[in-house]
Amino acid sequence: AAAEAARLAAEHQRKIKDLFVATGVEFDIEGRVALEYNFEGGEQSIA
């Protein structure tokens, strides 16, 4: 059951990541999402 819950959580987080084009997308232990946009370098897609 724990393995299945972890699989579902990972799948849910993957779907959330796919919503953004940020430089980085991470999740903390509480499930909060962190998005980083590093504009320096000219990667225009992240805008």
PDB file of all heavy atoms in Angstrom:
ATOM      1  N   ALA A   1       0.828  -1.209   0.000  1.00  0.00           N
ATOM      2  CA  ALA A   1       0.000   0.000   0.000  1.00  0.00           C
ATOM      3  C   ALA A   1       0.863   1.261   0.000  1.00  0.00           C
ATOM      4  O   ALA A   1       0.561   2.239  -0.694  1.00  0.00           O
ATOM      5  CB  ALA A   1      -0.931  -0.006   1.206  1.00  0.00           C
ATOM      6  N   ALA A   2       1.956   1.237   0.790  1.00  0.00           N
ATOM      7  CA  ALA A   2       2.854   2.394   0.843  1.00  0.00           C
ATOM      8  C   ALA A   2       3.528   2.620  -0.501  1.00  0.00           C
ATOM      9  O   ALA A   2       3.678   3.760  -0.948  1.00  0.00           O
ATOM     10  CB  ALA A   2       3.899   2.196   1.944  1.00  0.00           C
ATOM     11  N   ALA A   3       3.934   1.543  -1.150  1.00  0.00           N
ATOM     12  CA  ALA A   3       4.574   1.648  -2.460  1.00  0.00           C
ATOM     13  C   ALA A   3       3.603   2.228  -3.488  1.00  0.00           C
ATOM     14  O   ALA A   3       3.980   3.064  -4.317  1.00  0.00           O
ATOM     15  CB  ALA A   3       5.088   0.289  -2.913  1.00  0.00           C
ATOM     16  N   GLU A   4       2.356   1.794  -3.422  1.00  0.00           N
ATOM     17  CA  GLU A   4       1.347   2.310  -4.347  1.00  0.00           C
ATOM     18  C   GLU A   4       1.070   3.782  -4.081  1.00  0.00           C
ATOM     19  O   GLU A   4       0.929   4.582  -5.024  1.00  0.00           O
ATOM     20  CB  GLU A   4       0.051   1.500  -4.213  1.00  0.00           C
ATOM     21  CG  GLU A   4      -1.087   1.969  -5.101  1.00  0.00           C
ATOM     22  CD  GLU A   4      -0.809   1.840  -6.585  1.00  0.00           C
ATOM     23  OE1 GLU A   4       0.202   1.202  -6.946  1.00  0.00           O
ATOM     24  OE2 GLU A   4      -1.598   2.376  -7.374  1.00  0.00           O
ATOM     25  N   ALA A   5       1.015   4.164  -2.804  1.00  0.00           N
ATOM     26  CA  ALA A   5       0.797   5.574  -2.464  1.00  0.00           C
ATOM     27  C   ALA A   5       1.962   6.429  -2.956  1.00  0.00           C
ATOM     28  O   ALA A   5       1.752   7.532  -3.471  1.00  0.00           O
ATOM     29  CB  ALA A   5       0.625   5.722  -0.955  1.00  0.00           C
ATOM     30  N   ALA A   6       3.176   5.925  -2.796  1.00  0.00           N
ATOM     31  CA  ALA A   6       4.356   6.661  -3.264  1.00  0.00           C
ATOM     32  C   ALA A   6       4.337   6.791  -4.789  1.00  0.00           C
ATOM     33  O   ALA A   6       4.699   7.842  -5.332  1.00  0.00           O
ATOM     34  CB  ALA A   6       5.628   5.948  -2.805  1.00  0.00           C
ATOM     35  N   ARG A   7       3.912   5.736  -5.456  1.00  0.00           N
ATOM     36  CA  ARG A   7       3.840   5.782  -6.917  1.00  0.00           C
ATOM     37  C   ARG A   7       2.823   6.827  -7.374  1.00  0.00           C
ATOM     38  O   ARG A   7       3.086   7.616  -8.287  1.00  0.00           O
ATOM     39  CB  ARG A   7       3.456   4.409  -7.472  1.00  0.00           C
ATOM     40  CG  ARG A   7       3.487   4.315  -9.002  1.00  0.00           C
ATOM     41  CD  ARG A   7       2.845   3.036  -9.500  1.00  0.00           C
ATOM     42  NE  ARG A   7       1.416   3.010  -9.269  1.00  0.00           N
ATOM     43  CZ  ARG A   7       0.534   3.676 -10.028  1.00  0.00           C
ATOM     44  NH1 ARG A   7       0.942   4.399 -11.052  1.00  0.00           N
ATOM     45  NH2 ARG A   7      -0.754   3.610  -9.748  1.00  0.00           N
ATOM     46  N   LEU A   8       1.661   6.847  -6.721  1.00  0.00           N
ATOM     47  CA  LEU A   8       0.626   7.810  -7.082  1.00  0.00           C
ATOM     48  C   LEU A   8       1.080   9.246  -6.799  1.00  0.00           C
ATOM     49  O   LEU A   8       0.805  10.162  -7.584  1.00  0.00           O
ATOM     50  CB  LEU A   8      -0.664   7.506  -6.316  1.00  0.00           C
ATOM     51  CG  LEU A   8      -1.383   6.205  -6.701  1.00  0.00           C
ATOM     52  CD1 LEU A   8      -2.563   5.954  -5.763  1.00  0.00           C
ATOM     53  CD2 LEU A   8      -1.850   6.234  -8.154  1.00  0.00           C
ATOM     54  N   ALA A   9       1.781   9.438  -5.657  1.00  0.00           N
ATOM     55  CA  ALA A   9       2.280  10.771  -5.315  1.00  0.00           C
ATOM     56  C   ALA A   9       3.313  11.238  -6.346  1.00  0.00           C
ATOM     57  O   ALA A   9       3.304  12.400  -6.766  1.00  0.00           O
ATOM     58  CB  ALA A   9       2.896  10.762  -3.915  1.00  0.00           C
ATOM     59  N   ALA A  10       4.210  10.329  -6.736  1.00  0.00           N
ATOM     60  CA  ALA A  10       5.223  10.670  -7.736  1.00  0.00           C
ATOM     61  C   ALA A  10       4.573  11.004  -9.078  1.00  0.00           C
ATOM     62  O   ALA A  10       4.999  11.940  -9.770  1.00  0.00           O
ATOM     63  CB  ALA A  10       6.214   9.518  -7.890  1.00  0.00           C
ATOM     64  N   GLU A  11       3.545  10.254  -9.433  1.00  0.00           N
ATOM     65  CA  GLU A  11       2.839  10.518 -10.682  1.00  0.00           C
ATOM     66  C   GLU A  11       2.126  11.879 -10.627  1.00  0.00           C
ATOM     67  O   GLU A  11       2.123  12.632 -11.609  1.00  0.00           O
ATOM     68  CB  GLU A  11       1.821   9.402 -10.940  1.00  0.00           C
ATOM     69  CG  GLU A  11       0.971   9.572 -12.194  1.00  0.00           C
ATOM     70  CD  GLU A  11       1.765   9.488 -13.480  1.00  0.00           C
ATOM     71  OE1 GLU A  11       2.930   9.040 -13.438  1.00  0.00           O
ATOM     72  OE2 GLU A  11       1.226   9.857 -14.532  1.00  0.00           O
ATOM     73  N   HIS A  12       1.534  12.180  -9.463  1.00  0.00           N
ATOM     74  CA  HIS A  12       0.859  13.470  -9.289  1.00  0.00           C
ATOM     75  C   HIS A  12       1.860  14.615  -9.404  1.00  0.00           C
ATOM     76  O   HIS A  12       1.581  15.628 -10.072  1.00  0.00           O
ATOM     77  CB  HIS A  12       0.170  13.487  -7.926  1.00  0.00           C
ATOM     78  CG  HIS A  12      -0.629  14.731  -7.663  1.00  0.00           C
ATOM     79  ND1 HIS A  12      -1.751  15.071  -8.382  1.00  0.00           N
ATOM     80  CD2 HIS A  12      -0.448  15.728  -6.752  1.00  0.00           C
ATOM     81  CE1 HIS A  12      -2.243  16.211  -7.941  1.00  0.00           C
ATOM     82  NE2 HIS A  12      -1.466  16.632  -6.950  1.00  0.00           N
ATOM     83  N   GLN A  13       3.017  14.468  -8.781  1.00  0.00           N
ATOM     84  CA  GLN A  13       4.037  15.507  -8.846  1.00  0.00           C
ATOM     85  C   GLN A  13       4.571  15.664 -10.274  1.00  0.00           C
ATOM     86  O   GLN A  13       4.856  16.791 -10.715  1.00  0.00           O
ATOM     87  CB  GLN A  13       5.172  15.189  -7.879  1.00  0.00           C
ATOM     88  CG  GLN A  13       4.780  15.329  -6.419  1.00  0.00           C
ATOM     89  CD  GLN A  13       5.932  15.052  -5.469  1.00  0.00           C
ATOM     90  OE1 GLN A  13       7.023  14.659  -5.883  1.00  0.00           O
ATOM     91  NE2 GLN A  13       5.703  15.247  -4.183  1.00  0.00           N
ATOM     92  N   ARG A  14       4.692  14.557 -10.993  1.00  0.00           N
ATOM     93  CA  ARG A  14       5.164  14.642 -12.384  1.00  0.00           C
ATOM     94  C   ARG A  14       4.181  15.455 -13.228  1.00  0.00           C
ATOM     95  O   ARG A  14       4.579  16.281 -14.056  1.00  0.00           O
ATOM     96  CB  ARG A  14       5.322  13.245 -12.973  1.00  0.00           C
ATOM     97  CG  ARG A  14       5.896  13.242 -14.403  1.00  0.00           C
ATOM     98  CD  ARG A  14       5.734  11.901 -15.066  1.00  0.00           C
ATOM     99  NE  ARG A  14       4.335  11.527 -15.247  1.00  0.00           N
ATOM    100  CZ  ARG A  14       3.556  12.052 -16.195  1.00  0.00           C
ATOM    101  NH1 ARG A  14       4.023  12.966 -17.030  1.00  0.00           N
ATOM    102  NH2 ARG A  14       2.296  11.663 -16.286  1.00  0.00           N
ATOM    103  N   LYS A  15       2.879  15.239 -13.002  1.00  0.00           N
ATOM    104  CA  LYS A  15       1.871  15.986 -13.751  1.00  0.00           C
ATOM    105  C   LYS A  15       1.921  17.474 -13.414  1.00  0.00           C
ATOM    106  O   LYS A  15       1.719  18.325 -14.292  1.00  0.00           O
ATOM    107  CB  LYS A  15       0.480  15.425 -13.447  1.00  0.00           C
ATOM    108  CG  LYS A  15       0.238  14.035 -14.026  1.00  0.00           C
ATOM    109  CD  LYS A  15      -1.160  13.532 -13.675  1.00  0.00           C
ATOM    110  CE  LYS A  15      -1.402  12.148 -14.254  1.00  0.00           C
ATOM    111  NZ  LYS A  15      -2.756  11.636 -13.907  1.00  0.00           N
ATOM    112  N   ILE A  16       2.192  17.797 -12.135  1.00  0.00           N
ATOM    113  CA  ILE A  16       2.321  19.202 -11.751  1.00  0.00           C
ATOM    114  C   ILE A  16       3.540  19.826 -12.426  1.00  0.00           C
ATOM    115  O   ILE A  16       3.481  20.952 -12.940  1.00  0.00           O
ATOM    116  CB  ILE A  16       2.408  19.337 -10.224  1.00  0.00           C
ATOM    117  CG1 ILE A  16       1.080  18.920  -9.577  1.00  0.00           C
ATOM    118  CG2 ILE A  16       2.766  20.767  -9.823  1.00  0.00           C
ATOM    119  CD1 ILE A  16       1.101  18.922  -8.069  1.00  0.00           C
ATOM    120  N   LYS A  17       4.650  19.102 -12.443  1.00  0.00           N
ATOM    121  CA  LYS A  17       5.854  19.613 -13.105  1.00  0.00           C
ATOM    122  C   LYS A  17       5.597  19.934 -14.569  1.00  0.00           C
ATOM    123  O   LYS A  17       6.110  20.924 -15.110  1.00  0.00           O
ATOM    124  CB  LYS A  17       6.993  18.589 -12.994  1.00  0.00           C
ATOM    125  CG  LYS A  17       7.622  18.487 -11.621  1.00  0.00           C
ATOM    126  CD  LYS A  17       8.781  17.507 -11.645  1.00  0.00           C
ATOM    127  CE  LYS A  17       9.465  17.429 -10.288  1.00  0.00           C
ATOM    128  NZ  LYS A  17      10.625  16.498 -10.312  1.00  0.00           N
ATOM    129  N   ASP A  18       4.781  19.110 -15.212  1.00  0.00           N
ATOM    130  CA  ASP A  18       4.496  19.307 -16.635  1.00  0.00           C
ATOM    131  C   ASP A  18       3.679  20.567 -16.905  1.00  0.00           C
ATOM    132  O   ASP A  18       3.574  20.998 -18.062  1.00  0.00           O
ATOM    133  CB  ASP A  18       3.751  18.090 -17.191  1.00  0.00           C
ATOM    134  CG  ASP A  18       4.630  16.851 -17.280  1.00  0.00           C
ATOM    135  OD1 ASP A  18       5.866  17.005 -17.213  1.00  0.00           O
ATOM    136  OD2 ASP A  18       4.089  15.737 -17.404  1.00  0.00           O
ATOM    137  N   LEU A  19       3.108  21.174 -15.849  1.00  0.00           N
ATOM    138  CA  LEU A  19       2.320  22.392 -16.038  1.00  0.00           C
ATOM    139  C   LEU A  19       3.193  23.624 -16.222  1.00  0.00           C
ATOM    140  O   LEU A  19       2.719  24.663 -16.689  1.00  0.00           O
ATOM    141  CB  LEU A  19       1.396  22.627 -14.832  1.00  0.00           C
ATOM    142  CG  LEU A  19       0.318  21.573 -14.558  1.00  0.00           C
ATOM    143  CD1 LEU A  19      -0.439  21.950 -13.286  1.00  0.00           C
ATOM    144  CD2 LEU A  19      -0.646  21.450 -15.737  1.00  0.00           C
ATOM    145  N   PHE A  20       4.485  23.526 -15.852  1.00  0.00           N
ATOM    146  CA  PHE A  20       5.355  24.701 -15.844  1.00  0.00           C
ATOM    147  C   PHE A  20       6.594  24.477 -16.707  1.00  0.00           C
ATOM    148  O   PHE A  20       7.014  23.342 -16.940  1.00  0.00           O
ATOM    149  CB  PHE A  20       5.780  25.025 -14.409  1.00  0.00           C
ATOM    150  CG  PHE A  20       4.622  25.193 -13.458  1.00  0.00           C
ATOM    151  CD1 PHE A  20       4.308  24.202 -12.534  1.00  0.00           C
ATOM    152  CD2 PHE A  20       3.839  26.334 -13.504  1.00  0.00           C
ATOM    153  CE1 PHE A  20       3.237  24.350 -11.669  1.00  0.00           C
ATOM    154  CE2 PHE A  20       2.763  26.498 -12.638  1.00  0.00           C
ATOM    155  CZ  PHE A  20       2.460  25.506 -11.719  1.00  0.00           C
ATOM    156  N   VAL A  21       7.158  25.590 -17.156  1.00  0.00           N
ATOM    157  CA  VAL A  21       8.413  25.534 -17.915  1.00  0.00           C
ATOM    158  C   VAL A  21       9.514  26.252 -17.145  1.00  0.00           C
ATOM    159  O   VAL A  21      10.352  26.929 -17.714  1.00  0.00           O
ATOM    160  CB  VAL A  21       8.244  26.123 -19.331  1.00  0.00           C
ATOM    161  CG1 VAL A  21       7.408  25.215 -20.193  1.00  0.00           C
ATOM    162  CG2 VAL A  21       7.633  27.526 -19.274  1.00  0.00           C
ATOM    163  N   ALA A  22       9.480  26.133 -15.841  1.00  0.00           N
ATOM    164  CA  ALA A  22      10.440  26.802 -14.970  1.00  0.00           C
ATOM    165  C   ALA A  22      11.833  26.204 -15.136  1.00  0.00           C
ATOM    166  O   ALA A  22      12.005  25.091 -15.641  1.00  0.00           O
ATOM    167  CB  ALA A  22       9.987  26.674 -13.520  1.00  0.00           C
ATOM    168  N   THR A  23      12.836  26.970 -14.665  1.00  0.00           N
ATOM    169  CA  THR A  23      14.200  26.458 -14.648  1.00  0.00           C
ATOM    170  C   THR A  23      14.297  25.227 -13.758  1.00  0.00           C
ATOM    171  O   THR A  23      15.008  24.271 -14.059  1.00  0.00           O
ATOM    172  CB  THR A  23      15.172  27.535 -14.134  1.00  0.00           C
ATOM    173  OG1 THR A  23      14.948  28.744 -14.858  1.00  0.00           O
ATOM    174  CG2 THR A  23      16.615  27.088 -14.306  1.00  0.00           C
ATOM    175  N   GLY A  24      13.571  25.238 -12.637  1.00  0.00           N
ATOM    176  CA  GLY A  24      13.556  24.091 -11.725  1.00  0.00           C
ATOM    177  C   GLY A  24      12.222  23.971 -11.026  1.00  0.00           C
ATOM    178  O   GLY A  24      11.583  24.981 -10.709  1.00  0.00           O
ATOM    179  N   VAL A  25      11.788  22.729 -10.800  1.00  0.00           N
ATOM    180  CA  VAL A  25      10.548  22.448 -10.079  1.00  0.00           C
ATOM    181  C   VAL A  25      10.854  21.384  -9.032  1.00  0.00           C
ATOM    182  O   VAL A  25      11.351  20.302  -9.370  1.00  0.00           O
ATOM    183  CB  VAL A  25       9.427  21.943 -11.010  1.00  0.00           C
ATOM    184  CG1 VAL A  25       8.132  21.749 -10.226  1.00  0.00           C
ATOM    185  CG2 VAL A  25       9.213  22.888 -12.179  1.00  0.00           C
ATOM    186  N   GLU A  26      10.586  21.672  -7.767  1.00  0.00           N
ATOM    187  CA  GLU A  26      10.847  20.726  -6.690  1.00  0.00           C
ATOM    188  C   GLU A  26       9.665  20.691  -5.728  1.00  0.00           C
ATOM    189  O   GLU A  26       8.817  21.585  -5.731  1.00  0.00           O
ATOM    190  CB  GLU A  26      12.125  21.099  -5.927  1.00  0.00           C
ATOM    191  CG  GLU A  26      13.395  21.037  -6.760  1.00  0.00           C
ATOM    192  CD  GLU A  26      14.632  21.385  -5.966  1.00  0.00           C
ATOM    193  OE1 GLU A  26      14.476  21.815  -4.790  1.00  0.00           O
ATOM    194  OE2 GLU A  26      15.745  21.239  -6.494  1.00  0.00           O
ATOM    195  N   PHE A  27       9.645  19.634  -4.881  1.00  0.00           N
ATOM    196  CA  PHE A  27       8.612  19.499  -3.863  1.00  0.00           C
ATOM    197  C   PHE A  27       9.292  19.241  -2.525  1.00  0.00           C
ATOM    198  O   PHE A  27      10.241  18.452  -2.452  1.00  0.00           O
ATOM    199  CB  PHE A  27       7.665  18.340  -4.186  1.00  0.00           C
ATOM    200  CG  PHE A  27       6.874  18.540  -5.449  1.00  0.00           C
ATOM    201  CD1 PHE A  27       7.400  18.188  -6.680  1.00  0.00           C
ATOM    202  CD2 PHE A  27       5.605  19.092  -5.406  1.00  0.00           C
ATOM    203  CE1 PHE A  27       6.687  18.391  -7.849  1.00  0.00           C
ATOM    204  CE2 PHE A  27       4.876  19.291  -6.560  1.00  0.00           C
ATOM    205  CZ  PHE A  27       5.417  18.939  -7.791  1.00  0.00           C
ATOM    206  N   ASP A  28       8.810  19.914  -1.475  1.00  0.00           N
ATOM    207  CA  ASP A  28       9.391  19.657  -0.166  1.00  0.00           C
ATOM    208  C   ASP A  28       8.634  18.527   0.528  1.00  0.00           C
ATOM    209  O   ASP A  28       7.681  17.963  -0.031  1.00  0.00           O
ATOM    210  CB  ASP A  28       9.418  20.923   0.699  1.00  0.00           C
ATOM    211  CG  ASP A  28       8.020  21.453   1.039  1.00  0.00           C
ATOM    212  OD1 ASP A  28       7.032  20.704   0.894  1.00  0.00           O
ATOM    213  OD2 ASP A  28       7.920  22.615   1.458  1.00  0.00           O
ATOM    214  N   ILE A  29       9.060  18.180   1.740  1.00  0.00           N
ATOM    215  CA  ILE A  29       8.488  17.035   2.452  1.00  0.00           C
ATOM    216  C   ILE A  29       7.012  17.243   2.772  1.00  0.00           C
ATOM    217  O   ILE A  29       6.263  16.281   2.953  1.00  0.00           O
ATOM    218  CB  ILE A  29       9.302  16.756   3.739  1.00  0.00           C
ATOM    219  CG1 ILE A  29       8.932  15.385   4.309  1.00  0.00           C
ATOM    220  CG2 ILE A  29       9.075  17.860   4.775  1.00  0.00           C
ATOM    221  CD1 ILE A  29       9.847  14.939   5.430  1.00  0.00           C
ATOM    222  N   GLU A  30       6.566  18.494   2.821  1.00  0.00           N
ATOM    223  CA  GLU A  30       5.170  18.797   3.104  1.00  0.00           C
ATOM    224  C   GLU A  30       4.318  18.850   1.844  1.00  0.00           C
ATOM    225  O   GLU A  30       3.120  19.108   1.907  1.00  0.00           O
ATOM    226  CB  GLU A  30       5.074  20.135   3.850  1.00  0.00           C
ATOM    227  CG  GLU A  30       5.762  20.103   5.215  1.00  0.00           C
ATOM    228  CD  GLU A  30       5.735  21.453   5.893  1.00  0.00           C
ATOM    229  OE1 GLU A  30       5.310  22.440   5.237  1.00  0.00           O
ATOM    230  OE2 GLU A  30       6.130  21.525   7.065  1.00  0.00           O
ATOM    231  N   GLY A  31       4.948  18.618   0.692  1.00  0.00           N
ATOM    232  CA  GLY A  31       4.210  18.615  -0.561  1.00  0.00           C
ATOM    233  C   GLY A  31       4.105  19.975  -1.225  1.00  0.00           C
ATOM    234  O   GLY A  31       3.464  20.108  -2.272  1.00  0.00           O
ATOM    235  N   ARG A  32       4.721  21.010  -0.644  1.00  0.00           N
ATOM    236  CA  ARG A  32       4.700  22.330  -1.281  1.00  0.00           C
ATOM    237  C   ARG A  32       5.573  22.306  -2.525  1.00  0.00           C
ATOM    238  O   ARG A  32       6.614  21.657  -2.563  1.00  0.00           O
ATOM    239  CB  ARG A  32       5.190  23.414  -0.326  1.00  0.00           C
ATOM    240  CG  ARG A  32       4.379  23.554   0.942  1.00  0.00           C
ATOM    241  CD  ARG A  32       4.779  24.809   1.702  1.00  0.00           C
ATOM    242  NE  ARG A  32       6.226  24.928   1.845  1.00  0.00           N
ATOM    243  CZ  ARG A  32       6.852  26.033   2.235  1.00  0.00           C
ATOM    244  NH1 ARG A  32       6.155  27.121   2.499  1.00  0.00           N
ATOM    245  NH2 ARG A  32       8.162  26.054   2.363  1.00  0.00           N
ATOM    246  N   VAL A  33       5.157  23.057  -3.539  1.00  0.00           N
ATOM    247  CA  VAL A  33       5.912  23.117  -4.779  1.00  0.00           C
ATOM    248  C   VAL A  33       6.800  24.356  -4.763  1.00  0.00           C
ATOM    249  O   VAL A  33       6.418  25.407  -4.243  1.00  0.00           O
ATOM    250  CB  VAL A  33       4.974  23.134  -6.011  1.00  0.00           C
ATOM    251  CG1 VAL A  33       4.079  24.361  -6.006  1.00  0.00           C
ATOM    252  CG2 VAL A  33       5.777  23.068  -7.298  1.00  0.00           C
ATOM    253  N   ALA A  34       8.001  24.228  -5.300  1.00  0.00           N
ATOM    254  CA  ALA A  34       8.928  25.350  -5.425  1.00  0.00           C
ATOM    255  C   ALA A  34       9.305  25.494  -6.895  1.00  0.00           C
ATOM    256  O   ALA A  34       9.760  24.533  -7.525  1.00  0.00           O
ATOM    257  CB  ALA A  34      10.176  25.122  -4.572  1.00  0.00           C
ATOM    258  N   LEU A  35       9.096  26.684  -7.436  1.00  0.00           N
ATOM    259  CA  LEU A  35       9.412  26.981  -8.835  1.00  0.00           C
ATOM    260  C   LEU A  35      10.511  28.029  -8.886  1.00  0.00           C
ATOM    261  O   LEU A  35      10.438  29.051  -8.199  1.00  0.00           O
ATOM    262  CB  LEU A  35       8.180  27.525  -9.560  1.00  0.00           C
ATOM    263  CG  LEU A  35       6.894  26.696  -9.501  1.00  0.00           C
ATOM    264  CD1 LEU A  35       5.766  27.438 -10.201  1.00  0.00           C
ATOM    265  CD2 LEU A  35       7.103  25.322 -10.128  1.00  0.00           C
ATOM    266  N   GLU A  36      11.532  27.767  -9.687  1.00  0.00           N
ATOM    267  CA  GLU A  36      12.613  28.736  -9.861  1.00  0.00           C
ATOM    268  C   GLU A  36      12.671  29.173 -11.320  1.00  0.00           C
ATOM    269  O   GLU A  36      12.634  28.337 -12.231  1.00  0.00           O
ATOM    270  CB  GLU A  36      13.958  28.143  -9.443  1.00  0.00           C
ATOM    271  CG  GLU A  36      15.115  29.119  -9.612  1.00  0.00           C
ATOM    272  CD  GLU A  36      16.454  28.516  -9.225  1.00  0.00           C
ATOM    273  OE1 GLU A  36      16.707  28.393  -8.012  1.00  0.00           O
ATOM    274  OE2 GLU A  36      17.227  28.160 -10.147  1.00  0.00           O
ATOM    275  N   TYR A  37      12.760  30.494 -11.511  1.00  0.00           N
ATOM    276  CA  TYR A  37      12.897  31.069 -12.849  1.00  0.00           C
ATOM    277  C   TYR A  37      14.180  31.887 -12.878  1.00  0.00           C
ATOM    278  O   TYR A  37      14.232  32.991 -12.322  1.00  0.00           O
ATOM    279  CB  TYR A  37      11.689  31.944 -13.178  1.00  0.00           C
ATOM    280  CG  TYR A  37      10.403  31.158 -13.295  1.00  0.00           C
ATOM    281  CD1 TYR A  37       9.640  30.871 -12.162  1.00  0.00           C
ATOM    282  CD2 TYR A  37       9.965  30.670 -14.525  1.00  0.00           C
ATOM    283  CE1 TYR A  37       8.474  30.127 -12.260  1.00  0.00           C
ATOM    284  CE2 TYR A  37       8.802  29.921 -14.629  1.00  0.00           C
ATOM    285  CZ  TYR A  37       8.065  29.654 -13.491  1.00  0.00           C
ATOM    286  OH  TYR A  37       6.912  28.901 -13.580  1.00  0.00           O
ATOM    287  N   ASN A  38      15.207  31.329 -13.486  1.00  0.00           N
ATOM    288  CA  ASN A  38      16.479  32.019 -13.604  1.00  0.00           C
ATOM    289  C   ASN A  38      16.552  32.616 -15.007  1.00  0.00           C
ATOM    290  O   ASN A  38      16.841  31.923 -15.975  1.00  0.00           O
ATOM    291  CB  ASN A  38      17.639  31.050 -13.367  1.00  0.00           C
ATOM    292  CG  ASN A  38      18.980  31.752 -13.287  1.00  0.00           C
ATOM    293  OD1 ASN A  38      19.085  32.945 -13.581  1.00  0.00           O
ATOM    294  ND2 ASN A  38      20.014  31.028 -12.899  1.00  0.00           N
ATOM    295  N   PHE A  39      16.243  33.907 -15.097  1.00  0.00           N
ATOM    296  CA  PHE A  39      16.172  34.549 -16.409  1.00  0.00           C
ATOM    297  C   PHE A  39      17.543  34.864 -16.978  1.00  0.00           C
ATOM    298  O   PHE A  39      17.677  35.092 -18.183  1.00  0.00           O
ATOM    299  CB  PHE A  39      15.332  35.830 -16.313  1.00  0.00           C
ATOM    300  CG  PHE A  39      13.901  35.583 -15.935  1.00  0.00           C
ATOM    301  CD1 PHE A  39      13.429  35.967 -14.687  1.00  0.00           C
ATOM    302  CD2 PHE A  39      13.036  34.941 -16.800  1.00  0.00           C
ATOM    303  CE1 PHE A  39      12.110  35.745 -14.325  1.00  0.00           C
ATOM    304  CE2 PHE A  39      11.713  34.708 -16.449  1.00  0.00           C
ATOM    305  CZ  PHE A  39      11.247  35.110 -15.215  1.00  0.00           C
ATOM    306  N   GLU A  40      18.548  34.908 -16.115  1.00  0.00           N
ATOM    307  CA  GLU A  40      19.889  35.220 -16.603  1.00  0.00           C
ATOM    308  C   GLU A  40      20.394  34.039 -17.433  1.00  0.00           C
ATOM    309  O   GLU A  40      20.426  32.899 -16.975  1.00  0.00           O
ATOM    310  CB  GLU A  40      20.832  35.498 -15.438  1.00  0.00           C
ATOM    311  CG  GLU A  40      22.154  36.107 -15.883  1.00  0.00           C
ATOM    312  CD  GLU A  40      22.960  36.642 -14.721  1.00  0.00           C
ATOM    313  OE1 GLU A  40      22.824  36.102 -13.601  1.00  0.00           O
ATOM    314  OE2 GLU A  40      23.703  37.611 -14.910  1.00  0.00           O
ATOM    315  N   GLY A  41      20.798  34.322 -18.635  1.00  0.00           N
ATOM    316  CA  GLY A  41      21.229  33.271 -19.548  1.00  0.00           C
ATOM    317  C   GLY A  41      20.385  33.245 -20.803  1.00  0.00           C
ATOM    318  O   GLY A  41      20.743  32.633 -21.809  1.00  0.00           O
ATOM    319  N   GLY A  42      19.232  33.916 -20.746  1.00  0.00           N
ATOM    320  CA  GLY A  42      18.459  34.101 -21.956  1.00  0.00           C
ATOM    321  C   GLY A  42      17.625  32.931 -22.415  1.00  0.00           C
ATOM    322  O   GLY A  42      17.241  32.870 -23.579  1.00  0.00           O
ATOM    323  N   GLU A  43      17.303  31.991 -21.510  1.00  0.00           N
ATOM    324  CA  GLU A  43      16.418  30.887 -21.886  1.00  0.00           C
ATOM    325  C   GLU A  43      14.992  31.426 -21.954  1.00  0.00           C
ATOM    326  O   GLU A  43      14.267  31.453 -20.963  1.00  0.00           O
ATOM    327  CB  GLU A  43      16.527  29.748 -20.866  1.00  0.00           C
ATOM    328  CG  GLU A  43      15.647  28.543 -21.170  1.00  0.00           C
ATOM    329  CD  GLU A  43      15.805  28.033 -22.587  1.00  0.00           C
ATOM    330  OE1 GLU A  43      16.936  27.665 -22.973  1.00  0.00           O
ATOM    331  OE2 GLU A  43      14.800  28.039 -23.323  1.00  0.00           O
ATOM    332  N   GLN A  44      14.604  31.846 -23.154  1.00  0.00           N
ATOM    333  CA  GLN A  44      13.369  32.606 -23.295  1.00  0.00           C
ATOM    334  C   GLN A  44      12.108  31.783 -23.091  1.00  0.00           C
ATOM    335  O   GLN A  44      11.041  32.337 -22.824  1.00  0.00           O
ATOM    336  CB  GLN A  44      13.343  33.294 -24.672  1.00  0.00           C
ATOM    337  CG  GLN A  44      14.481  34.289 -24.850  1.00  0.00           C
ATOM    338  CD  GLN A  44      14.342  35.148 -26.091  1.00  0.00           C
ATOM    339  OE1 GLN A  44      13.307  35.171 -26.733  1.00  0.00           O
ATOM    340  NE2 GLN A  44      15.411  35.862 -26.432  1.00  0.00           N
ATOM    341  N   SER A  45      12.195  30.466 -23.179  1.00  0.00           N
ATOM    342  CA  SER A  45      11.000  29.637 -23.009  1.00  0.00           C
ATOM    343  C   SER A  45      10.412  29.749 -21.613  1.00  0.00           C
ATOM    344  O   SER A  45       9.198  29.595 -21.430  1.00  0.00           O
ATOM    345  CB  SER A  45      11.324  28.172 -23.317  1.00  0.00           C
ATOM    346  OG  SER A  45      12.262  27.654 -22.382  1.00  0.00           O
ATOM    347  N   ILE A  46      11.253  30.036 -20.595  1.00  0.00           N
ATOM    348  CA  ILE A  46      10.735  30.065 -19.222  1.00  0.00           C
ATOM    349  C   ILE A  46       9.860  31.283 -18.965  1.00  0.00           C
ATOM    350  O   ILE A  46       9.179  31.348 -17.944  1.00  0.00           O
ATOM    351  CB  ILE A  46      11.869  29.996 -18.179  1.00  0.00           C
ATOM    352  CG1 ILE A  46      12.756  31.237 -18.238  1.00  0.00           C
ATOM    353  CG2 ILE A  46      12.680  28.729 -18.346  1.00  0.00           C
ATOM    354  CD1 ILE A  46      13.794  31.281 -17.137  1.00  0.00           C
ATOM    355  N   ALA A  47       9.839  32.245 -19.883  1.00  0.00           N
ATOM    356  CA  ALA A  47       8.955  33.394 -19.725  1.00  0.00           C
ATOM    357  C   ALA A  47       7.509  33.040 -20.065  1.00  0.00           C
ATOM    358  O   ALA A  47       6.607  33.842 -19.819  1.00  0.00           O
ATOM    359  CB  ALA A  47       9.422  34.545 -20.611  1.00  0.00           C
TER     360      ALA A  47
END
